[in-house]
């Protein structure tokens, strides 16, 4: 199984090539320059592995939530490459990618969504697969969905920006948190490969983003209709 993965939903830009479980990856802090650097990074990992685009089994991408522009870049590039090489695609939620990269079995993933809100989801791993205990949503940190039991691990920038509130919200339930964790293409590659192995690859036309926030360009008061 050969899967190319890309992730551009934060200020980081990362690519990874999954070769039957062996991963070649690149990750850079690029700010707003994803569109300038992404293709060169993709070419780099393919050349290092001696693999051509047409030899891949599929392309996985971080479908969001995250930066509106960043999510569109990953979606658009994945779609374009897949169309050109006649390959299937697999969209992977960035929150699930945080869970995968954490190495923990119970993860509350939270990304800062600005405007005093977070992108939130909670996952448990059962028999090697992630089960969503709380589906991805946009919420205020003080209203984050409750989760059952203890021994949860927090991951993502939501804990960096709203750590005090989230720690109160999940008092006694968190065993720790990595507030510097960002979605990475290595986790996107692993989760995407699992989708392809299960026969869940989609047509390139179905490479769609997951925004969660519909009116991304409006202020909070405008989104709430005030």
Foldseek 3Di string as FASTA:
>chain_A
DWEWEWEFQEQKTKIWIQDPNDIDMDIDRHRPCCVVCVVVRSVVRCVVVVHDLLPGQAYEYAQDDGHPVRNVVRLVVRLVSCVVNVHFYHYDHLQVLQVQVVPDQWEWEWEDPPLQKIFTWIWGDDPNDIDTQGDTAIGHLLPHDDGDAAAYEYEELCCVVVVVSNCVSCPRRYPYYDNPDGRHRVSRRVVGVVCVVVVNTHRSVPSHHDHNQDCSPDRPCVSVPD
